[in-house]
Amino acid sequence: MDRNRCTIRKQLINNVRGVVRPGELTAILGGSGAGKSSLMTALAFHTGSGVVVHGDVRVNGVQTTSSYMRRHSGFMHQEDMFIETMTVNEHIWFMARMKLDRRIRTSDVRLKIDRLLKDVGLIDRCNTRIGGGDDGKVLSGGEKKRLAFATELLTDPEILFLDEPTTGQDAHSAGVLVSHMTSFASRGRTILCTIHQPSSTIFDSFHRIILLASGRVAFAGTSAQAIQFFSSQGYECPYNYNPADFLVATIAIAPNDASGSGRVAQRICDAFLTSEACNEIDIMLQQELKRKEPSCWLRLYWLLHRGVLQVLRDPSVQMIRILQKMSVATAAGLCFLGAVDFDQLRIQATEGAIYLLVCENTFFPMYATLALIPQELPLLLREYRAGMYSVHLYYTARMISLIPGLLVEPVLFTVIMYWLAGLRPTMDALGLTILVIIFTMNVSTACGCFFSAIFENVPLAMAYLVPFDNILMITMGPFIKLSSLPIYVQWIRYCSWLLHSTEALTIIQWRGVHNISCETTESELPCFTEGTEVLNRYDFDESNFWPDIVLMVIIYVVFHLLAYVSLWKRCRSN
């Protein structure tokens, strides 16, 4: 055996059999590490890539598949994940457009949403933001749980899985949610949930329970049958004692007495295999019904709608960036006020202004994008596994939602700084400069997206991006003559959009200039009278303007393709 490739596997679930019937609320109970969540995620086909599942999950006696479960079941996770800047109504509308049959009329969708919000007690909170506000006008923890529950009810699923739905809630909020679960089950639907230490009131609400111990079934049936079965094994539930606490404590594996408590749990599990309740186990679930899923374009529209709302409502993403751009452009422009002119001593000032135009629209947007994927990956993985949309739809919509900011920011920055610095005063020069800066910022953002998608967190991405940026900056033109670059790094000039941007902007400022004054007579100082001489100083070529634009477009596409492939591989492997 190759020691470097040795894999340790642990069995989480062992020979589990059970029945969950329509019209009933069934709960999986057990101590920590008993396998509750592992069992439910296996039944819902929500296991990760490293989990191996052997056995069948059957619906009405027919073996089912992950695609069937994706279409006909809902899964409410233990952790609440929302786009916090969205309101309740906006979130539920987005989810409706992602999940519902596209042939359903808008008026019918509205009626369905209103009914759901009314059923879960959120109709008066429909215009409230989910979270993240500074004024406290956001949903409480219990309200978020009810919103997550309502989200899963949108498709009226035949089977609903809920992982620890009452965790983090007070007794009242937990009781309200369980009552909603019971009401939904009474419509002929199947509900299976995991739950930790339910109160006696909540425990009495369950139609059936499944008790797990070390990955095995200790009992499956009604709560009354469970108490009777444990009594027959010599474990009598005390009077006025919470039955749930008693049952779970009896089969729990104590860390300080693993062998003793383990033998008790094993004996109960073995006894259940020969009990009457075990003989009654049979699979009876709903038949598969076909529906027409939302179209690709409809999913893209609603993903884009959510992305735009997220950008507009997150000040750190948009408004602060715009204000910062205007402030920096004003400060930089004032520094160059009166310093840029077509004389010999002010050529450097023009190149300095160009350098600031390029760098300010390269590094800040690049680093600001690094947190994009790490922040949204948990929600993306959850919705991707649920089959709501594909990775390419998510990535396309998310990038399109950033475009307004990637147009407004460079335009504002360029116009302010260009005017204050006094660069070439013609409309065509200003228009071409804006075009180049727009491409510069968009390519930089694409680069940030790539590093954001390929690395797990921002510090790791920064560790690789900083040296990469230093190489690009050194080879952008002003610091070293391109013809003097060593042969083994000359290829970088074709990949550096900073170089293409700097060359294009320099061409705009000096192309067709013939009247550069030269007042000094010192022989050791250079004297450039033509714009072409300034371009030659940096090894720039006037004919390279449009090739520079084309190369920036190619780099933009390549970065986004690499980012998408990296994100797709991460979603497939998780």
Protein backbone atom coordinates (compact mmCIF):
# COMPACT_ATOMS: atom_id res chain seq x y z
CA MET A 1 0.00 0.00 0.00
CA ASP A 2 1.24 3.49 -0.86
CA ARG A 3 1.49 5.18 2.53
CA ASN A 4 1.25 8.63 0.97
CA ARG A 5 -2.10 7.80 -0.55
CA CYS A 6 -3.64 5.87 2.33
CA THR A 7 -7.28 6.83 2.84
CA ILE A 8 -9.09 6.34 6.14
CA ARG A 9 -12.83 5.72 5.81
CA LYS A 10 -15.36 5.83 8.60
CA GLN A 11 -18.78 4.20 8.52
CA LEU A 12 -21.42 6.76 9.47
CA ILE A 13 -24.62 4.77 8.82
CA ASN A 14 -24.96 1.01 9.23
CA ASN A 15 -27.80 -1.02 7.68
CA VAL A 16 -30.55 1.55 8.20
CA ARG A 17 -34.11 0.69 7.23
CA GLY A 18 -37.12 2.89 7.83
CA VAL A 19 -40.40 4.26 6.55
CA VAL A 20 -41.59 7.83 6.21
CA ARG A 21 -45.24 8.08 5.17
CA PRO A 22 -47.19 10.88 3.51
CA GLY A 23 -49.25 13.02 5.87
CA GLU A 24 -46.85 12.44 8.74
CA LEU A 25 -44.13 14.45 10.44
CA THR A 26 -41.23 12.11 11.16
CA ALA A 27 -38.25 13.11 13.31
CA ILE A 28 -34.80 11.57 13.50
CA LEU A 29 -33.44 11.73 17.05
CA GLY A 30 -30.19 10.66 18.63
CA GLY A 31 -27.17 11.88 20.50
CA SER A 32 -24.31 13.84 19.00
CA GLY A 33 -22.54 11.78 16.37
CA ALA A 34 -25.40 9.28 16.09
CA GLY A 35 -25.67 9.89 12.33
CA LYS A 36 -28.87 11.97 12.14
CA SER A 37 -27.69 14.49 9.56
CA SER A 38 -25.71 11.85 7.65
CA LEU A 39 -28.83 9.70 7.26
CA MET A 40 -31.02 12.55 6.11
CA THR A 41 -28.51 13.96 3.63
CA ALA A 42 -28.09 10.46 2.18
CA LEU A 43 -31.86 10.07 1.77
CA ALA A 44 -32.05 13.51 0.13
CA PHE A 45 -29.02 12.85 -2.13
CA HIS A 46 -27.22 15.81 -0.57
CA THR A 47 -24.04 14.02 0.48
CA GLY A 48 -20.65 15.46 -0.42
CA SER A 49 -18.30 14.06 -3.02
CA GLY A 50 -16.24 12.14 -0.45
CA VAL A 51 -19.22 10.21 0.98
CA VAL A 52 -20.00 6.74 -0.41
CA VAL A 53 -23.60 5.54 -0.05
CA HIS A 54 -24.60 1.90 -0.51
CA GLY A 55 -28.26 0.96 -0.63
CA ASP A 56 -31.52 2.08 -2.16
CA VAL A 57 -33.83 5.00 -1.57
CA ARG A 58 -37.24 4.03 -2.89
CA VAL A 59 -40.37 6.01 -3.65
CA ASN A 60 -43.54 3.91 -3.77
CA GLY A 61 -41.34 0.86 -4.07
CA VAL A 62 -39.39 2.21 -7.04
CA GLN A 63 -35.73 3.11 -6.67
CA THR A 64 -35.32 6.87 -6.95
CA THR A 65 -32.50 9.08 -8.17
CA SER A 66 -30.88 12.37 -7.24
CA SER A 67 -32.66 14.13 -10.12
CA TYR A 68 -36.03 12.92 -8.83
CA MET A 69 -35.27 14.14 -5.33
CA ARG A 70 -34.11 17.47 -6.70
CA ARG A 71 -37.40 17.97 -8.53
CA HIS A 72 -39.80 16.58 -5.93
CA SER A 73 -38.26 17.39 -2.55
CA GLY A 74 -37.14 20.37 -0.54
CA PHE A 75 -34.19 20.60 1.83
CA MET A 76 -34.03 23.16 4.62
CA HIS A 77 -30.48 23.44 5.95
CA GLN A 78 -29.53 24.04 9.54
CA GLU A 79 -27.56 27.19 8.73
CA ASP A 80 -29.58 30.09 7.32
CA MET A 81 -27.98 31.61 4.23
CA PHE A 82 -29.53 34.60 2.53
CA ILE A 83 -28.51 37.65 0.54
CA GLU A 84 -28.99 39.92 3.52
CA THR A 85 -29.60 43.09 1.51
CA MET A 86 -32.73 41.62 -0.10
CA THR A 87 -36.18 41.98 1.41
CA VAL A 88 -38.40 39.04 2.29
CA ASN A 89 -40.55 39.64 -0.78
CA GLU A 90 -37.56 39.96 -3.13
CA HIS A 91 -35.98 36.76 -1.80
CA ILE A 92 -39.15 34.72 -2.13
CA TRP A 93 -39.80 36.08 -5.63
CA PHE A 94 -36.27 35.16 -6.72
CA MET A 95 -36.67 31.64 -5.34
CA ALA A 96 -40.08 31.30 -7.00
CA ARG A 97 -38.64 32.19 -10.40
CA MET A 98 -35.77 29.76 -9.89
CA LYS A 99 -37.92 26.83 -8.77
CA LEU A 100 -41.43 27.09 -10.18
CA ASP A 101 -42.77 25.94 -13.52
CA ARG A 102 -42.19 28.79 -15.97
CA ARG A 103 -45.71 28.36 -17.36
CA ILE A 104 -47.28 29.51 -14.09
CA ARG A 105 -48.79 32.96 -14.49
CA THR A 106 -47.33 35.87 -12.56
CA SER A 107 -50.64 36.51 -10.82
CA ASP A 108 -50.72 32.90 -9.62
CA VAL A 109 -47.14 33.19 -8.36
CA ARG A 110 -48.13 36.32 -6.44
CA LEU A 111 -51.11 34.55 -4.84
CA LYS A 112 -48.90 31.61 -3.90
CA ILE A 113 -46.27 33.85 -2.32
CA ASP A 114 -48.83 35.87 -0.38
CA ARG A 115 -50.45 32.69 0.91
CA LEU A 116 -47.12 31.23 1.99
CA LEU A 117 -46.00 34.39 3.77
CA LYS A 118 -49.36 34.58 5.51
CA ASP A 119 -49.16 30.92 6.53
CA VAL A 120 -45.74 31.36 8.14
CA GLY A 121 -46.60 34.74 9.69
CA LEU A 122 -44.32 36.92 7.55
CA ILE A 123 -46.89 38.79 5.46
CA ASP A 124 -46.38 41.94 7.56
CA ARG A 125 -42.61 41.65 7.14
CA CYS A 126 -42.56 41.23 3.36
CA ASN A 127 -40.77 44.56 2.77
CA THR A 128 -38.26 44.06 5.58
CA ARG A 129 -34.65 43.33 4.72
CA ILE A 130 -33.50 39.90 5.79
CA GLY A 131 -30.39 41.11 7.61
CA GLY A 132 -27.31 43.24 7.58
CA GLY A 133 -29.01 46.58 8.26
CA ASP A 134 -27.68 49.13 10.70
CA ASP A 135 -31.05 50.28 11.98
CA GLY A 136 -32.13 46.94 13.44
CA LYS A 137 -35.07 46.63 11.05
CA VAL A 138 -34.21 43.11 9.99
CA LEU A 139 -35.60 39.64 10.54
CA SER A 140 -35.09 37.82 13.82
CA GLY A 141 -33.59 34.34 13.97
CA GLY A 142 -37.01 32.72 14.22
CA GLU A 143 -38.34 34.74 11.30
CA LYS A 144 -35.37 33.69 9.18
CA LYS A 145 -36.17 30.04 9.93
CA ARG A 146 -39.78 30.59 8.88
CA LEU A 147 -38.60 32.31 5.69
CA ALA A 148 -36.32 29.36 4.91
CA PHE A 149 -39.27 27.04 5.55
CA ALA A 150 -41.54 29.07 3.26
CA THR A 151 -38.86 29.00 0.57
CA GLU A 152 -38.86 25.20 0.53
CA LEU A 153 -42.68 25.15 0.37
CA LEU A 154 -42.74 27.16 -2.88
CA THR A 155 -42.71 24.06 -5.05
CA ASP A 156 -45.18 22.27 -2.78
CA PRO A 157 -42.68 19.38 -2.49
CA GLU A 158 -43.90 15.86 -1.95
CA ILE A 159 -41.00 15.26 0.44
CA LEU A 160 -39.47 17.88 2.72
CA PHE A 161 -36.19 17.42 4.59
CA LEU A 162 -35.33 19.76 7.48
CA ASP A 163 -31.96 19.65 9.22
CA GLU A 164 -32.24 20.84 12.85
CA PRO A 165 -35.00 23.38 12.07
CA THR A 166 -35.41 24.50 15.70
CA THR A 167 -31.73 25.10 16.46
CA GLY A 168 -31.02 28.55 17.85
CA GLN A 169 -34.69 29.37 18.51
CA ASP A 170 -36.54 29.98 21.73
CA ALA A 171 -39.31 27.62 22.82
CA HIS A 172 -42.08 29.76 21.32
CA SER A 173 -40.42 30.23 17.91
CA ALA A 174 -39.56 26.53 17.75
CA GLY A 175 -43.14 25.58 18.59
CA VAL A 176 -44.52 27.91 15.91
CA LEU A 177 -42.25 26.40 13.26
CA VAL A 178 -43.12 22.83 14.23
CA SER A 179 -46.82 23.69 14.04
CA HIS A 180 -46.25 24.94 10.48
CA MET A 181 -44.45 21.68 9.69
CA THR A 182 -47.35 19.65 11.08
CA SER A 183 -49.84 21.71 9.08
CA PHE A 184 -47.87 21.13 5.85
CA ALA A 185 -47.66 17.39 6.53
CA SER A 186 -51.45 17.25 6.99
CA ARG A 187 -51.80 18.13 3.29
CA GLY A 188 -50.55 14.69 2.35
CA ARG A 189 -46.88 15.60 2.23
CA THR A 190 -43.95 13.73 3.74
CA ILE A 191 -41.73 15.56 6.22
CA LEU A 192 -38.52 14.20 7.67
CA CYS A 193 -36.46 16.29 10.08
CA THR A 194 -33.53 15.90 12.40
CA ILE A 195 -33.92 17.52 15.78
CA HIS A 196 -31.82 17.93 18.90
CA GLN A 197 -33.39 17.83 22.36
CA PRO A 198 -37.01 18.67 21.49
CA SER A 199 -39.33 19.80 24.25
CA SER A 200 -42.06 17.42 25.35
CA THR A 201 -44.65 19.53 23.50
CA ILE A 202 -42.71 19.35 20.26
CA PHE A 203 -42.00 15.65 20.79
CA ASP A 204 -45.74 14.97 21.06
CA SER A 205 -46.21 16.70 17.68
CA PHE A 206 -44.25 14.01 15.84
CA HIS A 207 -46.30 11.30 14.18
CA ARG A 208 -43.29 8.99 14.01
CA ILE A 209 -39.72 9.02 15.27
CA ILE A 210 -36.52 7.30 14.22
CA LEU A 211 -33.96 6.83 16.98
CA LEU A 212 -30.33 6.43 15.94
CA ALA A 213 -27.36 5.18 17.93
CA SER A 214 -23.89 4.95 16.38
CA GLY A 215 -25.36 4.93 12.89
CA ARG A 216 -27.86 2.14 13.62
CA VAL A 217 -31.62 2.29 14.09
CA ALA A 218 -32.56 1.81 17.72
CA PHE A 219 -36.28 2.28 17.03
CA ALA A 220 -38.63 3.47 14.32
CA GLY A 221 -42.33 4.01 14.93
CA THR A 222 -44.66 6.19 17.00
CA SER A 223 -43.51 7.83 20.21
CA ALA A 224 -45.93 5.69 22.23
CA GLN A 225 -44.51 2.55 20.63
CA ALA A 226 -40.99 3.75 21.39
CA ILE A 227 -41.74 4.20 25.09
CA GLN A 228 -43.38 0.77 25.20
CA PHE A 229 -40.46 -0.86 23.37
CA PHE A 230 -37.86 0.65 25.70
CA SER A 231 -39.96 -0.43 28.67
CA SER A 232 -39.94 -3.99 27.34
CA GLN A 233 -36.14 -3.82 27.28
CA GLY A 234 -36.01 -2.76 30.92
CA TYR A 235 -35.76 1.01 30.43
CA GLU A 236 -38.84 2.64 31.93
CA CYS A 237 -39.41 6.33 31.28
CA PRO A 238 -39.88 8.14 34.62
CA TYR A 239 -43.15 9.90 35.30
CA ASN A 240 -43.27 13.60 34.36
CA TYR A 241 -40.00 13.22 32.43
CA ASN A 242 -39.49 14.46 28.87
CA PRO A 243 -39.71 11.22 26.80
CA ALA A 244 -37.36 12.64 24.14
CA ASP A 245 -34.63 13.30 26.70
CA PHE A 246 -35.11 9.83 28.20
CA LEU A 247 -34.97 7.96 24.89
CA VAL A 248 -31.94 9.85 23.56
CA ALA A 249 -30.08 9.59 26.87
CA THR A 250 -30.66 5.84 27.03
CA ILE A 251 -28.99 5.14 23.69
CA ALA A 252 -26.39 7.94 23.79
CA ILE A 253 -22.71 6.95 23.83
CA ALA A 254 -21.07 8.61 26.82
CA PRO A 255 -17.44 9.74 26.12
CA ASN A 256 -16.29 8.61 29.58
CA ASP A 257 -18.10 5.27 29.35
CA ALA A 258 -18.05 4.40 25.65
CA SER A 259 -17.88 0.65 26.20
CA GLY A 260 -20.72 0.46 28.73
CA SER A 261 -23.15 2.83 27.04
CA GLY A 262 -22.14 1.41 23.69
CA ARG A 263 -23.22 -2.07 24.77
CA VAL A 264 -26.60 -0.71 25.89
CA ALA A 265 -27.17 1.00 22.56
CA GLN A 266 -26.06 -2.09 20.64
CA ARG A 267 -28.38 -4.33 22.65
CA ILE A 268 -31.36 -2.05 21.99
CA CYS A 269 -30.53 -1.86 18.26
CA ASP A 270 -30.30 -5.65 18.08
CA ALA A 271 -33.61 -6.04 19.92
CA PHE A 272 -35.33 -3.66 17.52
CA LEU A 273 -34.38 -5.85 14.55
CA THR A 274 -36.60 -8.63 15.90
CA SER A 275 -39.40 -6.37 17.16
CA GLU A 276 -42.89 -6.03 15.73
CA ALA A 277 -42.24 -2.37 14.83
CA CYS A 278 -39.32 -3.40 12.61
CA ASN A 279 -41.48 -5.91 10.75
CA GLU A 280 -43.92 -3.13 9.83
CA ILE A 281 -41.28 -1.10 7.98
CA ASP A 282 -42.12 -0.58 4.31
CA ILE A 283 -41.37 2.13 1.77
CA MET A 284 -44.48 4.13 0.79
CA LEU A 285 -43.75 7.46 -0.89
CA GLN A 286 -45.38 9.56 -3.60
CA GLN A 287 -45.20 8.71 -7.30
CA GLU A 288 -43.06 10.78 -9.56
CA LEU A 289 -44.83 13.66 -11.34
CA LYS A 290 -43.28 15.52 -14.23
CA ARG A 291 -43.20 19.27 -14.50
CA LYS A 292 -41.63 21.74 -16.90
CA GLU A 293 -38.68 23.44 -15.24
CA PRO A 294 -37.92 27.17 -15.55
CA SER A 295 -36.06 27.97 -18.74
CA CYS A 296 -32.37 28.82 -18.80
CA TRP A 297 -33.14 32.43 -19.72
CA LEU A 298 -35.65 32.81 -16.89
CA ARG A 299 -33.14 31.51 -14.35
CA LEU A 300 -30.51 33.88 -15.74
CA TYR A 301 -32.93 36.81 -15.48
CA TRP A 302 -33.70 36.19 -11.82
CA LEU A 303 -30.08 35.50 -10.94
CA LEU A 304 -29.22 38.81 -12.59
CA HIS A 305 -32.08 40.54 -10.74
CA ARG A 306 -30.76 39.29 -7.40
CA GLY A 307 -27.19 40.23 -8.31
CA VAL A 308 -28.15 43.80 -9.25
CA LEU A 309 -30.07 44.24 -5.98
CA GLN A 310 -27.07 42.95 -4.08
CA VAL A 311 -24.72 45.42 -5.78
CA LEU A 312 -27.02 48.41 -5.36
CA ARG A 313 -27.70 47.75 -1.69
CA ASP A 314 -24.20 46.91 -0.53
CA PRO A 315 -22.42 50.24 -0.03
CA SER A 316 -19.05 48.52 0.22
CA VAL A 317 -19.53 47.23 -3.30
CA GLN A 318 -20.84 50.30 -5.08
CA MET A 319 -21.41 53.68 -3.44
CA ILE A 320 -18.21 53.80 -1.40
CA ARG A 321 -16.23 52.74 -4.45
CA ILE A 322 -17.77 55.51 -6.56
CA LEU A 323 -17.11 58.14 -3.88
CA GLN A 324 -13.57 56.89 -3.52
CA LYS A 325 -13.01 57.07 -7.27
CA MET A 326 -14.24 60.67 -7.40
CA SER A 327 -12.10 61.68 -4.40
CA VAL A 328 -8.92 60.08 -5.73
CA ALA A 329 -9.52 61.49 -9.23
CA THR A 330 -9.98 64.98 -7.79
CA ALA A 331 -6.85 64.75 -5.63
CA ALA A 332 -4.74 63.34 -8.46
CA GLY A 333 -6.03 65.87 -10.95
CA LEU A 334 -5.23 68.76 -8.62
CA CYS A 335 -1.68 67.45 -8.22
CA PHE A 336 -1.19 67.70 -11.98
CA LEU A 337 -3.06 70.98 -12.36
CA GLY A 338 -0.98 73.19 -14.65
CA ALA A 339 1.85 70.63 -14.89
CA VAL A 340 0.82 69.00 -18.18
CA ASP A 341 1.72 70.83 -21.36
CA PHE A 342 3.36 70.16 -24.70
CA ASP A 343 6.83 71.25 -23.71
CA GLN A 344 10.02 69.37 -22.98
CA LEU A 345 9.96 69.55 -19.20
CA ARG A 346 6.39 68.33 -18.84
CA ILE A 347 6.49 65.07 -20.80
CA GLN A 348 7.11 63.27 -17.51
CA ALA A 349 4.03 64.89 -15.96
CA THR A 350 1.87 63.51 -18.78
CA GLU A 351 3.30 60.02 -18.30
CA GLY A 352 2.75 60.33 -14.54
CA ALA A 353 -0.92 61.16 -15.10
CA ILE A 354 -1.22 58.16 -17.45
CA TYR A 355 0.41 55.94 -14.82
CA LEU A 356 -2.14 57.02 -12.21
CA LEU A 357 -5.03 56.51 -14.64
CA VAL A 358 -3.91 52.93 -15.26
CA CYS A 359 -2.93 51.90 -11.72
CA GLU A 360 -5.94 53.39 -9.93
CA ASN A 361 -8.26 51.52 -12.28
CA THR A 362 -6.29 48.29 -12.00
CA PHE A 363 -5.32 47.45 -8.45
CA PHE A 364 -8.29 48.63 -6.40
CA PRO A 365 -10.97 46.85 -8.49
CA MET A 366 -8.78 43.76 -8.70
CA TYR A 367 -8.32 43.42 -4.94
CA ALA A 368 -11.90 44.46 -4.19
CA THR A 369 -13.12 41.46 -6.21
CA LEU A 370 -11.06 38.87 -4.33
CA ALA A 371 -13.74 38.35 -1.67
CA LEU A 372 -16.56 37.87 -4.20
CA ILE A 373 -16.46 34.09 -4.62
CA PRO A 374 -15.34 33.10 -1.08
CA GLN A 375 -18.24 35.10 0.40
CA GLU A 376 -20.88 33.64 -1.89
CA LEU A 377 -19.55 30.09 -2.34
CA PRO A 378 -21.51 28.48 0.57
CA LEU A 379 -24.83 29.79 -0.80
CA LEU A 380 -23.82 28.92 -4.37
CA LEU A 381 -22.99 25.34 -3.36
CA ARG A 382 -26.29 24.94 -1.54
CA GLU A 383 -28.40 26.23 -4.45
CA TYR A 384 -26.29 24.39 -7.03
CA ARG A 385 -26.72 21.06 -5.23
CA ALA A 386 -30.45 21.74 -5.03
CA GLY A 387 -30.50 21.98 -8.83
CA MET A 388 -31.73 25.58 -8.86
CA TYR A 389 -29.24 26.67 -11.52
CA SER A 390 -25.94 25.75 -13.15
CA VAL A 391 -22.55 27.27 -12.38
CA HIS A 392 -22.31 29.00 -15.76
CA LEU A 393 -25.66 30.75 -15.19
CA TYR A 394 -24.56 31.95 -11.76
CA TYR A 395 -21.21 33.20 -13.02
CA THR A 396 -22.70 34.90 -16.07
CA ALA A 397 -25.36 36.69 -14.03
CA ARG A 398 -22.93 37.73 -11.31
CA MET A 399 -20.50 39.24 -13.80
CA ILE A 400 -23.26 41.06 -15.70
CA SER A 401 -24.53 42.54 -12.43
CA LEU A 402 -21.10 44.16 -11.93
CA ILE A 403 -21.05 45.83 -15.35
CA PRO A 404 -22.89 49.08 -14.40
CA GLY A 405 -20.30 49.82 -11.74
CA LEU A 406 -17.48 48.83 -14.09
CA LEU A 407 -18.74 51.46 -16.54
CA VAL A 408 -19.68 54.28 -14.15
CA GLU A 409 -16.51 54.19 -12.04
CA PRO A 410 -13.92 54.50 -14.85
CA VAL A 411 -15.97 57.15 -16.66
CA LEU A 412 -16.24 59.35 -13.55
CA PHE A 413 -12.59 58.89 -12.63
CA THR A 414 -11.31 59.59 -16.15
CA VAL A 415 -13.47 62.66 -16.81
CA ILE A 416 -12.55 64.31 -13.48
CA MET A 417 -8.83 63.62 -13.60
CA TYR A 418 -8.51 64.25 -17.34
CA TRP A 419 -10.08 67.68 -17.03
CA LEU A 420 -8.18 68.75 -13.91
CA ALA A 421 -4.81 67.47 -15.17
CA GLY A 422 -5.26 69.24 -18.49
CA LEU A 423 -4.50 66.29 -20.74
CA ARG A 424 -4.95 66.57 -24.50
CA PRO A 425 -8.05 68.80 -24.85
CA THR A 426 -9.96 67.08 -27.66
CA MET A 427 -13.19 65.08 -27.48
CA ASP A 428 -11.79 62.15 -29.45
CA ALA A 429 -8.78 61.92 -27.10
CA LEU A 430 -11.08 62.00 -24.04
CA GLY A 431 -13.44 59.42 -25.57
CA LEU A 432 -10.64 57.01 -26.45
CA THR A 433 -9.09 57.46 -23.00
CA ILE A 434 -12.42 56.55 -21.37
CA LEU A 435 -12.64 53.47 -23.63
CA VAL A 436 -9.13 52.31 -22.65
CA ILE A 437 -9.77 52.84 -18.92
CA ILE A 438 -13.07 50.93 -19.11
CA PHE A 439 -11.23 47.98 -20.64
CA THR A 440 -8.47 48.30 -18.04
CA MET A 441 -10.87 48.12 -15.09
CA ASN A 442 -12.87 45.26 -16.59
CA VAL A 443 -9.77 43.17 -17.30
CA SER A 444 -8.51 43.85 -13.77
CA THR A 445 -11.84 42.74 -12.32
CA ALA A 446 -11.71 39.58 -14.45
CA CYS A 447 -8.25 38.86 -13.05
CA GLY A 448 -9.58 39.36 -9.51
CA CYS A 449 -12.46 36.98 -10.26
CA PHE A 450 -10.00 34.32 -11.41
CA PHE A 451 -7.91 34.55 -8.22
CA SER A 452 -11.13 34.69 -6.20
CA ALA A 453 -12.42 31.49 -7.81
CA ILE A 454 -9.24 29.44 -7.72
CA PHE A 455 -8.23 30.07 -4.09
CA GLU A 456 -10.24 29.20 -0.99
CA ASN A 457 -9.86 32.50 0.85
CA VAL A 458 -8.75 36.09 0.37
CA PRO A 459 -5.37 35.92 2.22
CA LEU A 460 -4.27 32.97 0.08
CA ALA A 461 -5.36 34.72 -3.11
CA MET A 462 -3.50 37.87 -2.02
CA ALA A 463 -0.33 35.89 -1.42
CA TYR A 464 -0.23 34.85 -5.08
CA LEU A 465 -1.72 37.98 -6.63
CA VAL A 466 0.74 40.50 -5.16
CA PRO A 467 3.89 39.10 -6.84
CA PHE A 468 1.91 38.65 -10.06
CA ASP A 469 0.94 42.32 -9.96
CA ASN A 470 4.52 43.41 -9.29
CA ILE A 471 5.69 41.65 -12.44
CA LEU A 472 2.91 43.27 -14.48
CA MET A 473 3.69 46.72 -13.09
CA ILE A 474 7.43 46.48 -13.75
CA THR A 475 6.81 45.51 -17.37
CA MET A 476 4.11 48.10 -18.08
CA GLY A 477 6.48 50.49 -19.87
CA PRO A 478 7.57 53.54 -17.85
CA PHE A 479 10.02 51.65 -15.60
CA ILE A 480 12.05 49.75 -18.18
CA LYS A 481 12.50 49.85 -21.94
CA LEU A 482 10.61 46.90 -23.39
CA SER A 483 13.43 46.08 -25.81
CA SER A 484 15.82 45.65 -22.87
CA LEU A 485 13.72 42.98 -21.16
CA PRO A 486 15.49 39.60 -20.86
CA ILE A 487 14.36 37.16 -23.52
CA TYR A 488 12.88 34.80 -20.94
CA VAL A 489 10.39 37.43 -19.73
CA GLN A 490 9.63 39.25 -22.97
CA TRP A 491 6.52 37.11 -23.42
CA ILE A 492 4.98 38.89 -20.40
CA ARG A 493 4.45 42.01 -22.51
CA TYR A 494 1.75 40.20 -24.46
CA CYS A 495 -0.11 39.18 -21.26
CA SER A 496 0.20 42.48 -19.39
CA TRP A 497 -2.91 44.57 -19.86
CA LEU A 498 -1.17 47.29 -17.84
CA LEU A 499 1.35 47.56 -20.69
CA HIS A 500 -1.37 47.57 -23.36
CA SER A 501 -3.33 50.21 -21.45
CA THR A 502 -0.28 52.42 -20.85
CA GLU A 503 0.80 52.17 -24.49
CA ALA A 504 -2.72 52.97 -25.76
CA LEU A 505 -3.05 56.01 -23.49
CA THR A 506 0.41 57.25 -24.41
CA ILE A 507 -0.46 56.92 -28.09
CA ILE A 508 -3.65 58.98 -27.52
CA GLN A 509 -1.68 61.81 -25.89
CA TRP A 510 1.28 61.98 -28.32
CA ARG A 511 -0.05 60.76 -31.65
CA GLY A 512 0.07 63.55 -34.26
CA VAL A 513 1.92 65.97 -31.97
CA HIS A 514 4.63 67.91 -33.82
CA ASN A 515 5.15 71.10 -31.84
CA ILE A 516 6.79 70.06 -28.57
CA SER A 517 8.89 73.01 -27.48
CA CYS A 518 12.50 72.52 -26.42
CA GLU A 519 13.79 75.54 -24.49
CA THR A 520 16.85 73.97 -22.86
CA THR A 521 20.23 73.98 -24.58
CA GLU A 522 22.02 71.49 -22.30
CA SER A 523 23.38 68.68 -24.45
CA GLU A 524 23.01 66.00 -21.78
CA LEU A 525 19.23 66.51 -21.57
CA PRO A 526 16.99 64.87 -24.21
CA CYS A 527 15.02 67.05 -26.58
CA PHE A 528 11.90 65.53 -28.14
CA THR A 529 10.08 67.70 -30.64
CA GLU A 530 7.77 65.02 -32.11
CA GLY A 531 5.18 62.81 -30.42
CA THR A 532 6.69 59.77 -32.16
CA GLU A 533 9.96 60.46 -30.36
CA VAL A 534 8.18 60.29 -27.01
CA LEU A 535 6.59 56.98 -28.03
CA ASN A 536 9.96 55.61 -29.14
CA ARG A 537 11.43 56.53 -25.77
CA TYR A 538 9.20 53.87 -24.19
CA ASP A 539 9.40 51.44 -27.13
CA PHE A 540 5.75 52.20 -27.94
CA ASP A 541 4.44 52.03 -31.50
CA GLU A 542 1.69 54.30 -32.78
CA SER A 543 0.24 51.45 -34.86
CA ASN A 544 -0.34 49.32 -31.75
CA PHE A 545 -3.42 51.19 -30.45
CA TRP A 546 -6.13 48.85 -31.72
CA PRO A 547 -3.99 45.70 -31.28
CA ASP A 548 -3.64 46.77 -27.62
CA ILE A 549 -7.44 47.00 -27.33
CA VAL A 550 -7.88 43.58 -28.96
CA LEU A 551 -5.29 42.00 -26.65
CA MET A 552 -7.07 43.43 -23.60
CA VAL A 553 -10.34 41.90 -24.83
CA ILE A 554 -8.61 38.52 -25.26
CA ILE A 555 -7.08 38.70 -21.76
CA TYR A 556 -10.51 39.64 -20.36
CA VAL A 557 -12.14 36.58 -21.95
CA VAL A 558 -9.31 34.24 -20.88
CA PHE A 559 -9.45 35.36 -17.24
CA HIS A 560 -13.23 34.86 -17.09
CA LEU A 561 -12.99 31.44 -18.72
CA LEU A 562 -10.32 30.37 -16.23
CA ALA A 563 -12.41 31.76 -13.36
CA TYR A 564 -15.51 29.89 -14.53
CA VAL A 565 -13.66 26.58 -14.98
CA SER A 566 -12.08 26.94 -11.51
CA LEU A 567 -15.45 27.67 -9.91
CA TRP A 568 -17.12 24.82 -11.79
CA LYS A 569 -14.47 22.37 -10.57
CA ARG A 570 -14.88 23.58 -6.98
CA CYS A 571 -18.64 23.09 -7.14
CA ARG A 572 -18.28 19.62 -8.65
CA SER A 573 -15.71 18.51 -6.07
CA ASN A 574 -17.62 19.75 -2.99
